[in-house]
N, C-alpha and C. Protein backbone atom coordinates (compact mmCIF):
# COMPACT_ATOMS: atom_id res chain seq x y z
N MET A 1 0.83 -1.20 0.00
CA MET A 1 0.00 0.00 0.00
C MET A 1 0.88 1.26 0.00
N VAL A 2 0.43 2.28 -0.71
CA VAL A 2 1.15 3.54 -0.78
C VAL A 2 0.89 4.35 0.48
N GLU A 3 1.95 4.97 1.02
CA GLU A 3 1.81 5.81 2.20
C GLU A 3 1.40 7.22 1.77
N ILE A 4 0.18 7.62 2.09
CA ILE A 4 -0.31 8.96 1.76
C ILE A 4 -0.94 9.56 3.01
N SER A 5 -0.68 10.83 3.27
CA SER A 5 -1.25 11.47 4.45
C SER A 5 -2.76 11.65 4.28
N PHE A 6 -3.47 11.75 5.41
CA PHE A 6 -4.91 11.92 5.39
C PHE A 6 -5.33 13.17 4.61
N PRO A 7 -4.70 14.33 4.86
CA PRO A 7 -5.08 15.53 4.09
C PRO A 7 -4.92 15.33 2.59
N ARG A 8 -3.85 14.63 2.20
CA ARG A 8 -3.61 14.37 0.78
C ARG A 8 -4.68 13.44 0.21
N ILE A 9 -5.04 12.42 0.97
CA ILE A 9 -6.08 11.48 0.53
C ILE A 9 -7.39 12.22 0.31
N LYS A 10 -7.75 13.09 1.27
CA LYS A 10 -9.00 13.83 1.14
C LYS A 10 -8.99 14.75 -0.07
N SER A 11 -7.84 15.34 -0.35
CA SER A 11 -7.72 16.20 -1.52
C SER A 11 -7.93 15.41 -2.80
N ILE A 12 -7.32 14.22 -2.86
CA ILE A 12 -7.46 13.37 -4.04
C ILE A 12 -8.91 12.91 -4.20
N LEU A 13 -9.53 12.54 -3.09
CA LEU A 13 -10.92 12.08 -3.12
C LEU A 13 -11.85 13.16 -3.68
N GLU A 14 -11.64 14.41 -3.27
CA GLU A 14 -12.45 15.51 -3.79
C GLU A 14 -12.35 15.58 -5.31
N SER A 15 -11.13 15.46 -5.82
CA SER A 15 -10.92 15.52 -7.27
C SER A 15 -11.59 14.35 -7.98
N LEU A 16 -11.47 13.15 -7.43
CA LEU A 16 -12.05 11.97 -8.05
C LEU A 16 -13.57 12.04 -8.06
N LEU A 17 -14.16 12.46 -6.95
CA LEU A 17 -15.62 12.55 -6.87
C LEU A 17 -16.14 13.65 -7.79
N PHE A 18 -15.36 14.70 -7.96
CA PHE A 18 -15.78 15.82 -8.80
C PHE A 18 -15.89 15.42 -10.27
N ILE A 19 -14.95 14.60 -10.74
CA ILE A 19 -14.93 14.24 -12.17
C ILE A 19 -15.73 12.97 -12.47
N ALA A 20 -16.10 12.21 -11.43
CA ALA A 20 -16.80 10.93 -11.64
C ALA A 20 -18.19 11.15 -12.23
N LYS A 21 -18.59 10.26 -13.12
CA LYS A 21 -19.92 10.34 -13.74
C LYS A 21 -20.94 9.49 -13.01
N LYS A 22 -20.49 8.78 -11.97
CA LYS A 22 -21.39 7.94 -11.18
C LYS A 22 -20.86 7.86 -9.76
N PRO A 23 -21.69 7.46 -8.80
CA PRO A 23 -21.19 7.29 -7.43
C PRO A 23 -20.07 6.26 -7.40
N LEU A 24 -19.03 6.53 -6.61
CA LEU A 24 -17.90 5.62 -6.49
C LEU A 24 -17.89 4.98 -5.11
N THR A 25 -17.66 3.67 -5.07
CA THR A 25 -17.61 2.98 -3.80
C THR A 25 -16.26 3.19 -3.14
N ALA A 26 -16.20 2.93 -1.84
CA ALA A 26 -14.94 3.05 -1.10
C ALA A 26 -13.91 2.09 -1.68
N GLU A 27 -14.38 0.92 -2.12
CA GLU A 27 -13.46 -0.07 -2.69
C GLU A 27 -12.86 0.43 -4.01
N GLU A 28 -13.69 1.08 -4.85
CA GLU A 28 -13.19 1.61 -6.11
C GLU A 28 -12.16 2.71 -5.87
N LEU A 29 -12.47 3.59 -4.93
CA LEU A 29 -11.56 4.69 -4.60
C LEU A 29 -10.27 4.15 -3.98
N ALA A 30 -10.41 3.13 -3.14
CA ALA A 30 -9.23 2.53 -2.51
C ALA A 30 -8.31 1.92 -3.56
N GLY A 31 -8.91 1.34 -4.61
CA GLY A 31 -8.10 0.75 -5.67
C GLY A 31 -7.30 1.78 -6.42
N VAL A 32 -7.88 2.98 -6.59
CA VAL A 32 -7.17 4.06 -7.29
C VAL A 32 -6.03 4.60 -6.43
N LEU A 33 -6.30 4.80 -5.14
CA LEU A 33 -5.29 5.37 -4.25
C LEU A 33 -4.33 4.33 -3.68
N GLU A 34 -4.69 3.05 -3.82
CA GLU A 34 -3.90 1.95 -3.28
C GLU A 34 -3.75 2.06 -1.77
N VAL A 35 -4.89 2.28 -1.10
CA VAL A 35 -4.94 2.28 0.36
C VAL A 35 -6.11 1.41 0.79
N GLU A 36 -6.20 1.14 2.08
CA GLU A 36 -7.28 0.30 2.60
C GLU A 36 -8.64 1.01 2.48
N PRO A 37 -9.72 0.28 2.12
CA PRO A 37 -11.05 0.88 2.03
C PRO A 37 -11.49 1.55 3.33
N SER A 38 -11.04 1.01 4.48
CA SER A 38 -11.42 1.61 5.77
C SER A 38 -10.87 3.03 5.90
N ILE A 39 -9.69 3.27 5.34
CA ILE A 39 -9.11 4.61 5.36
C ILE A 39 -9.92 5.54 4.48
N ILE A 40 -10.34 5.04 3.32
CA ILE A 40 -11.17 5.83 2.41
C ILE A 40 -12.48 6.20 3.08
N GLU A 41 -13.11 5.23 3.74
CA GLU A 41 -14.38 5.48 4.43
C GLU A 41 -14.22 6.58 5.48
N LYS A 42 -13.14 6.52 6.25
CA LYS A 42 -12.89 7.52 7.29
C LYS A 42 -12.71 8.90 6.67
N CYS A 43 -11.96 8.98 5.60
CA CYS A 43 -11.72 10.27 4.93
C CYS A 43 -13.01 10.82 4.32
N LEU A 44 -13.83 9.94 3.75
CA LEU A 44 -15.10 10.37 3.17
C LEU A 44 -16.04 10.91 4.25
N GLN A 45 -16.06 10.25 5.40
CA GLN A 45 -16.89 10.72 6.51
C GLN A 45 -16.42 12.10 6.97
N GLU A 46 -15.11 12.30 7.05
CA GLU A 46 -14.58 13.59 7.46
C GLU A 46 -14.90 14.67 6.42
N LEU A 47 -14.77 14.32 5.15
CA LEU A 47 -15.10 15.26 4.08
C LEU A 47 -16.57 15.64 4.12
N SER A 48 -17.42 14.64 4.34
CA SER A 48 -18.85 14.89 4.43
C SER A 48 -19.17 15.90 5.53
N PHE A 49 -18.49 15.77 6.66
CA PHE A 49 -18.68 16.71 7.78
C PHE A 49 -18.15 18.10 7.41
N GLU A 50 -16.99 18.15 6.76
CA GLU A 50 -16.38 19.43 6.39
C GLU A 50 -17.23 20.20 5.37
N TYR A 51 -18.03 19.48 4.58
CA TYR A 51 -18.85 20.12 3.56
C TYR A 51 -20.24 20.53 4.07
N GLU A 52 -20.49 20.34 5.36
CA GLU A 52 -21.83 20.56 5.89
C GLU A 52 -22.37 21.96 5.65
N ASN A 53 -21.53 22.98 5.69
CA ASN A 53 -22.00 24.35 5.54
C ASN A 53 -21.64 24.96 4.19
N LYS A 54 -21.47 24.10 3.18
CA LYS A 54 -21.11 24.57 1.85
C LYS A 54 -22.25 24.31 0.86
N GLY A 55 -22.13 24.90 -0.31
CA GLY A 55 -23.16 24.71 -1.33
C GLY A 55 -23.14 23.33 -1.94
N LEU A 56 -22.03 22.63 -1.80
CA LEU A 56 -21.92 21.26 -2.26
C LEU A 56 -21.93 20.33 -1.05
N GLN A 57 -22.21 19.07 -1.31
CA GLN A 57 -22.18 18.08 -0.23
C GLN A 57 -21.62 16.77 -0.76
N ILE A 58 -21.00 16.02 0.11
CA ILE A 58 -20.50 14.69 -0.24
C ILE A 58 -21.43 13.69 0.42
N ILE A 59 -22.13 12.92 -0.41
CA ILE A 59 -23.18 12.04 0.09
C ILE A 59 -22.95 10.59 -0.33
N ASN A 60 -23.53 9.69 0.45
CA ASN A 60 -23.50 8.26 0.16
C ASN A 60 -24.84 7.90 -0.48
N VAL A 61 -24.82 7.58 -1.77
CA VAL A 61 -26.06 7.30 -2.50
C VAL A 61 -25.80 6.24 -3.55
N ALA A 62 -26.82 5.42 -3.82
CA ALA A 62 -26.72 4.38 -4.86
C ALA A 62 -25.47 3.52 -4.70
N HIS A 63 -25.19 3.09 -3.48
CA HIS A 63 -24.07 2.20 -3.15
C HIS A 63 -22.71 2.86 -3.31
N GLY A 64 -22.65 4.16 -3.40
CA GLY A 64 -21.37 4.83 -3.58
C GLY A 64 -21.41 6.26 -3.06
N TRP A 65 -20.32 6.99 -3.32
CA TRP A 65 -20.17 8.37 -2.85
C TRP A 65 -20.08 9.32 -4.03
N GLU A 66 -20.66 10.52 -3.89
CA GLU A 66 -20.56 11.51 -4.93
C GLU A 66 -20.66 12.92 -4.35
N ILE A 67 -20.20 13.90 -5.12
CA ILE A 67 -20.38 15.30 -4.77
C ILE A 67 -21.66 15.78 -5.45
N ALA A 68 -22.52 16.44 -4.69
CA ALA A 68 -23.78 16.91 -5.25
C ALA A 68 -24.13 18.28 -4.67
N THR A 69 -25.00 19.00 -5.38
CA THR A 69 -25.48 20.28 -4.86
C THR A 69 -26.50 20.01 -3.75
N ARG A 70 -26.71 20.98 -2.90
CA ARG A 70 -27.65 20.83 -1.79
C ARG A 70 -29.09 21.00 -2.27
N ASP A 71 -29.98 20.24 -1.63
CA ASP A 71 -31.40 20.28 -2.00
C ASP A 71 -31.97 21.69 -1.91
N GLU A 72 -31.56 22.44 -0.89
CA GLU A 72 -32.14 23.78 -0.71
C GLU A 72 -31.71 24.76 -1.80
N ASN A 73 -30.71 24.39 -2.59
CA ASN A 73 -30.27 25.25 -3.69
C ASN A 73 -30.82 24.79 -5.04
N ALA A 74 -31.67 23.78 -5.01
CA ALA A 74 -32.14 23.15 -6.24
C ALA A 74 -32.83 24.13 -7.19
N ASP A 75 -33.66 25.01 -6.67
CA ASP A 75 -34.40 25.94 -7.53
C ASP A 75 -33.46 26.83 -8.34
N PHE A 76 -32.38 27.28 -7.70
CA PHE A 76 -31.43 28.16 -8.39
C PHE A 76 -30.60 27.39 -9.40
N VAL A 77 -30.21 26.17 -9.04
CA VAL A 77 -29.46 25.32 -9.97
C VAL A 77 -30.32 25.01 -11.19
N LYS A 78 -31.60 24.73 -10.93
CA LYS A 78 -32.53 24.39 -12.01
C LYS A 78 -32.68 25.56 -12.98
N LYS A 79 -32.73 26.78 -12.46
CA LYS A 79 -32.85 27.96 -13.32
C LYS A 79 -31.70 28.04 -14.31
N LEU A 80 -30.51 27.71 -13.83
CA LEU A 80 -29.33 27.79 -14.68
C LEU A 80 -29.26 26.65 -15.68
N LEU A 81 -29.63 25.47 -15.25
CA LEU A 81 -29.44 24.28 -16.08
C LEU A 81 -30.67 23.82 -16.84
N GLU A 82 -31.83 24.42 -16.56
CA GLU A 82 -33.07 23.96 -17.18
C GLU A 82 -32.96 23.99 -18.70
N SER A 83 -33.37 22.91 -19.32
CA SER A 83 -33.30 22.81 -20.78
C SER A 83 -34.40 21.89 -21.27
N PRO A 84 -34.69 21.89 -22.58
CA PRO A 84 -35.75 21.04 -23.14
C PRO A 84 -35.50 19.55 -22.94
N ILE A 85 -34.23 19.15 -22.71
CA ILE A 85 -33.96 17.71 -22.58
C ILE A 85 -33.97 17.25 -21.12
N GLU A 86 -34.47 18.11 -20.23
CA GLU A 86 -34.56 17.72 -18.81
C GLU A 86 -35.40 16.44 -18.68
N THR A 87 -34.95 15.56 -17.80
CA THR A 87 -35.67 14.30 -17.61
C THR A 87 -37.07 14.56 -17.08
N THR A 88 -38.08 14.15 -17.84
CA THR A 88 -39.47 14.34 -17.41
C THR A 88 -40.20 13.01 -17.52
N LEU A 89 -41.16 12.83 -16.67
CA LEU A 89 -41.96 11.60 -16.70
C LEU A 89 -43.44 11.95 -16.57
N SER A 90 -44.26 11.26 -17.34
CA SER A 90 -45.71 11.42 -17.26
C SER A 90 -46.22 10.65 -16.05
N PRO A 91 -47.47 10.92 -15.63
CA PRO A 91 -48.06 10.14 -14.53
C PRO A 91 -48.06 8.65 -14.83
N GLN A 92 -48.30 8.30 -16.12
CA GLN A 92 -48.31 6.87 -16.50
C GLN A 92 -46.93 6.24 -16.32
N ALA A 93 -45.89 7.01 -16.67
CA ALA A 93 -44.52 6.50 -16.52
C ALA A 93 -44.16 6.36 -15.05
N LEU A 94 -44.59 7.33 -14.23
CA LEU A 94 -44.32 7.26 -12.79
C LEU A 94 -45.00 6.04 -12.18
N GLU A 95 -46.23 5.78 -12.60
CA GLU A 95 -46.97 4.62 -12.09
C GLU A 95 -46.24 3.34 -12.45
N THR A 96 -45.81 3.23 -13.70
CA THR A 96 -45.10 2.04 -14.17
C THR A 96 -43.78 1.88 -13.43
N LEU A 97 -43.07 2.99 -13.24
CA LEU A 97 -41.79 2.95 -12.52
C LEU A 97 -41.99 2.48 -11.09
N ALA A 98 -43.06 2.92 -10.45
CA ALA A 98 -43.34 2.49 -9.07
C ALA A 98 -43.59 0.98 -9.02
N ILE A 99 -44.34 0.46 -9.99
CA ILE A 99 -44.63 -0.97 -10.03
C ILE A 99 -43.34 -1.77 -10.18
N ILE A 100 -42.48 -1.34 -11.10
CA ILE A 100 -41.22 -2.04 -11.32
C ILE A 100 -40.34 -1.97 -10.08
N ALA A 101 -40.29 -0.79 -9.44
CA ALA A 101 -39.44 -0.62 -8.26
C ALA A 101 -39.84 -1.58 -7.14
N TYR A 102 -41.15 -1.74 -6.92
CA TYR A 102 -41.61 -2.57 -5.81
C TYR A 102 -41.69 -4.06 -6.14
N LYS A 103 -41.88 -4.40 -7.41
CA LYS A 103 -42.07 -5.81 -7.75
C LYS A 103 -40.88 -6.43 -8.48
N GLN A 104 -39.82 -5.66 -8.69
CA GLN A 104 -38.68 -6.16 -9.47
C GLN A 104 -38.04 -7.41 -8.87
N PRO A 105 -37.52 -8.30 -9.76
CA PRO A 105 -37.65 -8.22 -11.22
C PRO A 105 -39.06 -8.61 -11.66
N THR A 106 -39.57 -7.91 -12.68
CA THR A 106 -40.94 -8.16 -13.12
C THR A 106 -41.02 -8.08 -14.64
N THR A 107 -42.04 -8.70 -15.20
CA THR A 107 -42.21 -8.74 -16.65
C THR A 107 -43.22 -7.70 -17.12
N ARG A 108 -43.22 -7.47 -18.42
CA ARG A 108 -44.19 -6.52 -19.00
C ARG A 108 -45.61 -6.99 -18.73
N ALA A 109 -45.85 -8.31 -18.84
CA ALA A 109 -47.20 -8.84 -18.61
C ALA A 109 -47.67 -8.56 -17.18
N GLU A 110 -46.77 -8.72 -16.21
CA GLU A 110 -47.13 -8.44 -14.82
C GLU A 110 -47.43 -6.96 -14.61
N ILE A 111 -46.65 -6.12 -15.26
CA ILE A 111 -46.87 -4.67 -15.16
C ILE A 111 -48.24 -4.31 -15.74
N GLU A 112 -48.53 -4.88 -16.91
CA GLU A 112 -49.80 -4.57 -17.58
C GLU A 112 -50.99 -5.14 -16.82
N ASN A 113 -50.78 -6.26 -16.13
CA ASN A 113 -51.84 -6.85 -15.32
C ASN A 113 -52.22 -5.92 -14.17
N ILE A 114 -51.23 -5.25 -13.60
CA ILE A 114 -51.48 -4.32 -12.50
C ILE A 114 -52.09 -3.02 -13.02
N ARG A 115 -51.53 -2.48 -14.10
CA ARG A 115 -51.99 -1.20 -14.64
C ARG A 115 -53.31 -1.34 -15.40
N GLY A 116 -53.53 -2.50 -16.00
CA GLY A 116 -54.75 -2.69 -16.76
C GLY A 116 -54.69 -2.13 -18.17
N VAL A 117 -53.51 -1.72 -18.62
CA VAL A 117 -53.35 -1.17 -19.97
C VAL A 117 -52.02 -1.63 -20.56
N VAL A 118 -51.93 -1.60 -21.89
CA VAL A 118 -50.68 -1.93 -22.58
C VAL A 118 -49.62 -0.92 -22.18
N SER A 119 -48.41 -1.39 -21.88
CA SER A 119 -47.37 -0.51 -21.32
C SER A 119 -46.08 -0.49 -22.13
N ASP A 120 -46.13 -0.95 -23.37
CA ASP A 120 -44.91 -1.01 -24.20
C ASP A 120 -44.22 0.35 -24.31
N SER A 121 -44.97 1.39 -24.66
CA SER A 121 -44.36 2.70 -24.89
C SER A 121 -43.80 3.30 -23.60
N VAL A 122 -44.49 3.06 -22.49
CA VAL A 122 -44.03 3.59 -21.21
C VAL A 122 -42.73 2.91 -20.79
N ILE A 123 -42.67 1.60 -20.95
CA ILE A 123 -41.46 0.85 -20.62
C ILE A 123 -40.30 1.31 -21.51
N LYS A 124 -40.59 1.55 -22.79
CA LYS A 124 -39.56 2.03 -23.71
C LYS A 124 -39.00 3.37 -23.24
N THR A 125 -39.90 4.27 -22.78
CA THR A 125 -39.47 5.58 -22.28
C THR A 125 -38.56 5.43 -21.07
N LEU A 126 -38.93 4.56 -20.14
CA LEU A 126 -38.13 4.36 -18.93
C LEU A 126 -36.78 3.74 -19.26
N LEU A 127 -36.74 2.87 -20.27
CA LEU A 127 -35.48 2.28 -20.71
C LEU A 127 -34.58 3.35 -21.33
N GLU A 128 -35.17 4.23 -22.14
CA GLU A 128 -34.41 5.30 -22.79
C GLU A 128 -33.82 6.26 -21.78
N LYS A 129 -34.56 6.51 -20.70
CA LYS A 129 -34.10 7.41 -19.65
C LYS A 129 -33.19 6.69 -18.65
N ARG A 130 -32.98 5.39 -18.88
CA ARG A 130 -32.08 4.56 -18.08
C ARG A 130 -32.49 4.48 -16.60
N LEU A 131 -33.78 4.63 -16.36
CA LEU A 131 -34.30 4.47 -15.00
C LEU A 131 -34.60 3.00 -14.71
N ILE A 132 -34.79 2.21 -15.77
CA ILE A 132 -34.96 0.76 -15.64
C ILE A 132 -34.05 0.09 -16.67
N ALA A 133 -33.86 -1.22 -16.50
CA ALA A 133 -33.03 -1.97 -17.43
C ALA A 133 -33.53 -3.41 -17.48
N GLU A 134 -33.17 -4.12 -18.56
CA GLU A 134 -33.46 -5.54 -18.65
C GLU A 134 -32.47 -6.27 -17.75
N VAL A 135 -32.99 -7.06 -16.82
CA VAL A 135 -32.13 -7.71 -15.83
C VAL A 135 -32.09 -9.23 -15.94
N GLY A 136 -32.75 -9.76 -16.97
CA GLY A 136 -32.73 -11.21 -17.15
C GLY A 136 -33.97 -11.70 -17.86
N ARG A 137 -34.21 -12.99 -17.78
CA ARG A 137 -35.36 -13.63 -18.40
C ARG A 137 -36.11 -14.47 -17.39
N SER A 138 -37.42 -14.42 -17.45
CA SER A 138 -38.25 -15.23 -16.57
C SER A 138 -38.19 -16.69 -17.00
N GLU A 139 -38.44 -17.59 -16.06
CA GLU A 139 -38.47 -19.02 -16.38
C GLU A 139 -39.82 -19.43 -16.94
N GLY A 140 -40.75 -18.46 -17.05
CA GLY A 140 -42.09 -18.76 -17.55
C GLY A 140 -42.12 -19.04 -19.04
N VAL A 141 -43.32 -19.32 -19.55
CA VAL A 141 -43.51 -19.62 -20.96
C VAL A 141 -43.01 -18.46 -21.82
N GLY A 142 -42.16 -18.77 -22.79
CA GLY A 142 -41.64 -17.74 -23.67
C GLY A 142 -40.46 -16.98 -23.09
N ARG A 143 -40.12 -17.26 -21.83
CA ARG A 143 -39.02 -16.60 -21.14
C ARG A 143 -39.04 -15.08 -21.37
N PRO A 144 -40.11 -14.41 -20.89
CA PRO A 144 -40.21 -12.96 -21.08
C PRO A 144 -39.11 -12.20 -20.35
N ILE A 145 -38.83 -11.00 -20.85
CA ILE A 145 -37.79 -10.14 -20.26
C ILE A 145 -38.21 -9.68 -18.87
N LEU A 146 -37.25 -9.67 -17.96
CA LEU A 146 -37.47 -9.14 -16.61
C LEU A 146 -36.89 -7.74 -16.53
N TYR A 147 -37.62 -6.84 -15.87
CA TYR A 147 -37.16 -5.46 -15.72
C TYR A 147 -36.90 -5.12 -14.26
N GLY A 148 -35.92 -4.27 -14.05
CA GLY A 148 -35.61 -3.79 -12.70
C GLY A 148 -35.10 -2.37 -12.77
N THR A 149 -35.00 -1.70 -11.62
CA THR A 149 -34.51 -0.33 -11.59
C THR A 149 -32.99 -0.30 -11.68
N THR A 150 -32.44 0.88 -11.95
CA THR A 150 -31.01 1.04 -12.16
C THR A 150 -30.38 1.95 -11.11
N THR A 151 -29.07 2.09 -11.21
CA THR A 151 -28.36 3.03 -10.34
C THR A 151 -28.84 4.46 -10.60
N ALA A 152 -29.17 4.76 -11.86
CA ALA A 152 -29.70 6.09 -12.19
C ALA A 152 -31.00 6.36 -11.44
N PHE A 153 -31.82 5.33 -11.27
CA PHE A 153 -33.07 5.46 -10.50
C PHE A 153 -32.76 5.82 -9.05
N LEU A 154 -31.80 5.10 -8.46
CA LEU A 154 -31.42 5.37 -7.06
C LEU A 154 -30.90 6.79 -6.92
N ARG A 155 -30.06 7.21 -7.84
CA ARG A 155 -29.48 8.55 -7.78
C ARG A 155 -30.56 9.61 -7.90
N HIS A 156 -31.48 9.42 -8.84
CA HIS A 156 -32.50 10.44 -9.08
C HIS A 156 -33.41 10.63 -7.87
N PHE A 157 -33.72 9.54 -7.18
CA PHE A 157 -34.62 9.63 -6.04
C PHE A 157 -33.88 9.71 -4.71
N GLY A 158 -32.54 9.81 -4.77
CA GLY A 158 -31.75 9.98 -3.56
C GLY A 158 -31.79 8.79 -2.62
N LEU A 159 -31.79 7.60 -3.18
CA LEU A 159 -31.84 6.37 -2.38
C LEU A 159 -30.48 5.70 -2.33
N LYS A 160 -30.10 5.18 -1.16
CA LYS A 160 -28.87 4.41 -1.06
C LYS A 160 -29.06 3.01 -1.64
N ASP A 161 -30.27 2.48 -1.44
CA ASP A 161 -30.56 1.12 -1.85
C ASP A 161 -32.06 1.00 -2.10
N ILE A 162 -32.46 0.01 -2.87
CA ILE A 162 -33.87 -0.18 -3.16
C ILE A 162 -34.67 -0.44 -1.89
N ALA A 163 -33.99 -0.93 -0.84
CA ALA A 163 -34.65 -1.19 0.43
C ALA A 163 -35.12 0.09 1.11
N ASP A 164 -34.61 1.25 0.65
CA ASP A 164 -35.00 2.53 1.23
C ASP A 164 -36.32 3.07 0.68
N LEU A 165 -36.94 2.33 -0.24
CA LEU A 165 -38.24 2.75 -0.76
C LEU A 165 -39.26 2.81 0.36
N PRO A 166 -40.23 3.74 0.29
CA PRO A 166 -41.29 3.79 1.31
C PRO A 166 -42.04 2.46 1.34
N PRO A 167 -42.58 2.06 2.49
CA PRO A 167 -43.31 0.78 2.57
C PRO A 167 -44.60 0.82 1.76
N LEU A 168 -45.05 -0.36 1.35
CA LEU A 168 -46.33 -0.47 0.66
C LEU A 168 -47.47 -0.11 1.62
N PRO A 169 -48.69 0.16 1.10
CA PRO A 169 -49.82 0.51 1.97
C PRO A 169 -50.03 -0.50 3.08
N GLU A 170 -50.37 0.00 4.26
CA GLU A 170 -50.57 -0.89 5.41
C GLU A 170 -51.87 -1.69 5.29
N GLU A 171 -52.89 -1.10 4.61
CA GLU A 171 -54.16 -1.80 4.47
C GLU A 171 -53.96 -3.11 3.73
N GLU A 172 -54.36 -4.20 4.33
CA GLU A 172 -54.12 -5.52 3.77
C GLU A 172 -54.73 -5.68 2.38
N THR A 173 -55.94 -5.10 2.17
CA THR A 173 -56.61 -5.26 0.88
C THR A 173 -55.81 -4.59 -0.22
N GLU A 174 -55.30 -3.37 0.05
CA GLU A 174 -54.52 -2.66 -0.96
C GLU A 174 -53.20 -3.36 -1.22
N LYS A 175 -52.55 -3.81 -0.14
CA LYS A 175 -51.26 -4.47 -0.29
C LYS A 175 -51.42 -5.77 -1.07
N ALA A 176 -52.43 -6.54 -0.72
CA ALA A 176 -52.66 -7.82 -1.39
C ALA A 176 -52.99 -7.60 -2.86
N GLN A 177 -53.78 -6.54 -3.13
CA GLN A 177 -54.16 -6.24 -4.50
C GLN A 177 -52.94 -5.90 -5.34
N PHE A 178 -52.05 -5.10 -4.77
CA PHE A 178 -50.85 -4.71 -5.50
C PHE A 178 -49.95 -5.92 -5.75
N GLU A 179 -49.70 -6.69 -4.68
CA GLU A 179 -48.76 -7.80 -4.79
C GLU A 179 -49.29 -8.92 -5.68
N SER A 180 -50.63 -9.05 -5.77
CA SER A 180 -51.20 -10.12 -6.58
C SER A 180 -51.45 -9.70 -8.02
N GLY A 181 -51.25 -8.42 -8.31
CA GLY A 181 -51.40 -7.95 -9.68
C GLY A 181 -52.68 -7.20 -9.92
N GLY A 182 -53.30 -6.65 -8.86
CA GLY A 182 -54.50 -5.84 -9.02
C GLY A 182 -54.15 -4.46 -9.50
N THR A 183 -55.17 -3.63 -9.78
CA THR A 183 -54.95 -2.28 -10.26
C THR A 183 -54.36 -1.40 -9.17
N LEU A 184 -53.36 -0.61 -9.52
CA LEU A 184 -52.74 0.31 -8.58
C LEU A 184 -53.74 1.38 -8.21
N LYS A 185 -53.89 1.63 -6.91
CA LYS A 185 -54.83 2.64 -6.45
C LYS A 185 -54.48 4.01 -7.00
N GLU A 186 -55.51 4.76 -7.41
CA GLU A 186 -55.29 6.09 -7.95
C GLU A 186 -54.61 6.99 -6.95
N GLU A 187 -55.00 6.87 -5.64
CA GLU A 187 -54.41 7.72 -4.63
C GLU A 187 -52.93 7.42 -4.44
N GLU A 188 -52.52 6.13 -4.61
CA GLU A 188 -51.10 5.80 -4.49
C GLU A 188 -50.31 6.39 -5.64
N SER A 189 -50.93 6.35 -6.87
CA SER A 189 -50.26 6.93 -8.02
C SER A 189 -50.07 8.42 -7.85
N SER A 190 -51.09 9.10 -7.30
CA SER A 190 -50.98 10.54 -7.12
C SER A 190 -49.96 10.89 -6.06
N LYS A 191 -49.80 10.01 -5.03
CA LYS A 191 -48.78 10.24 -4.02
C LYS A 191 -47.39 10.18 -4.64
N THR A 192 -47.20 9.16 -5.51
CA THR A 192 -45.91 9.01 -6.17
C THR A 192 -45.60 10.23 -7.02
N GLN A 193 -46.65 10.74 -7.71
CA GLN A 193 -46.44 11.89 -8.57
C GLN A 193 -46.09 13.13 -7.77
N SER A 194 -46.79 13.34 -6.62
CA SER A 194 -46.55 14.53 -5.83
C SER A 194 -45.18 14.51 -5.17
N ASN A 195 -44.63 13.32 -4.96
CA ASN A 195 -43.30 13.22 -4.35
C ASN A 195 -42.20 13.69 -5.28
N LYS A 196 -42.48 13.71 -6.60
CA LYS A 196 -41.48 14.17 -7.54
C LYS A 196 -42.12 15.20 -8.48
N GLU A 197 -42.36 16.40 -7.98
CA GLU A 197 -43.05 17.42 -8.75
C GLU A 197 -42.24 17.89 -9.94
N ASP A 198 -40.93 17.62 -9.94
CA ASP A 198 -40.11 18.05 -11.07
C ASP A 198 -40.29 17.12 -12.26
N PHE A 199 -40.98 15.98 -12.06
CA PHE A 199 -41.30 15.09 -13.17
C PHE A 199 -42.65 15.52 -13.73
N LYS A 200 -42.68 16.20 -14.84
CA LYS A 200 -43.94 16.60 -15.43
C LYS A 200 -43.89 16.41 -16.92
N GLU A 201 -45.08 16.19 -17.51
CA GLU A 201 -45.17 15.89 -18.95
C GLU A 201 -44.55 17.01 -19.77
């Protein structure tokens, strides 16, 4: 292992996180610096604390670490960066994304059984936006494609892991209906939409 001082490690980590296009794990960073992952974790924790009162923050998201702007500055950042290609989702896409997130891995047929409508175009949109991906094939007849969420999904919704998703409805009838392939409640769909107001048609 290379002998590097803590201040130097933290300086290097800032540079690596700044240029990275995706969250980096402590193991990935340790491989670049050739130091123990535990040292990287300690330095990242210290950096996270040091950034507490700055416009940027170092956060642990989607199984890795990244530098990001603060939520309270989002409106101003959006003003500067807003463009026609901003990621937007319709209510139908949000509903489909919620189904995939909670039931993954799942097939198109299962999604359509819950939604009650053909979902080819919506699934195509989510694939293009890289919020979902093909994760395998079902063992069922015809071996249909299985879909699941991606790292981009975790990053967009600020989740460390898929386990951080809000729990399903407590009411047994609603939960059973969802898990068995019944129609998604309209109120649940509207809740999902209101949670991400920046996703609009």
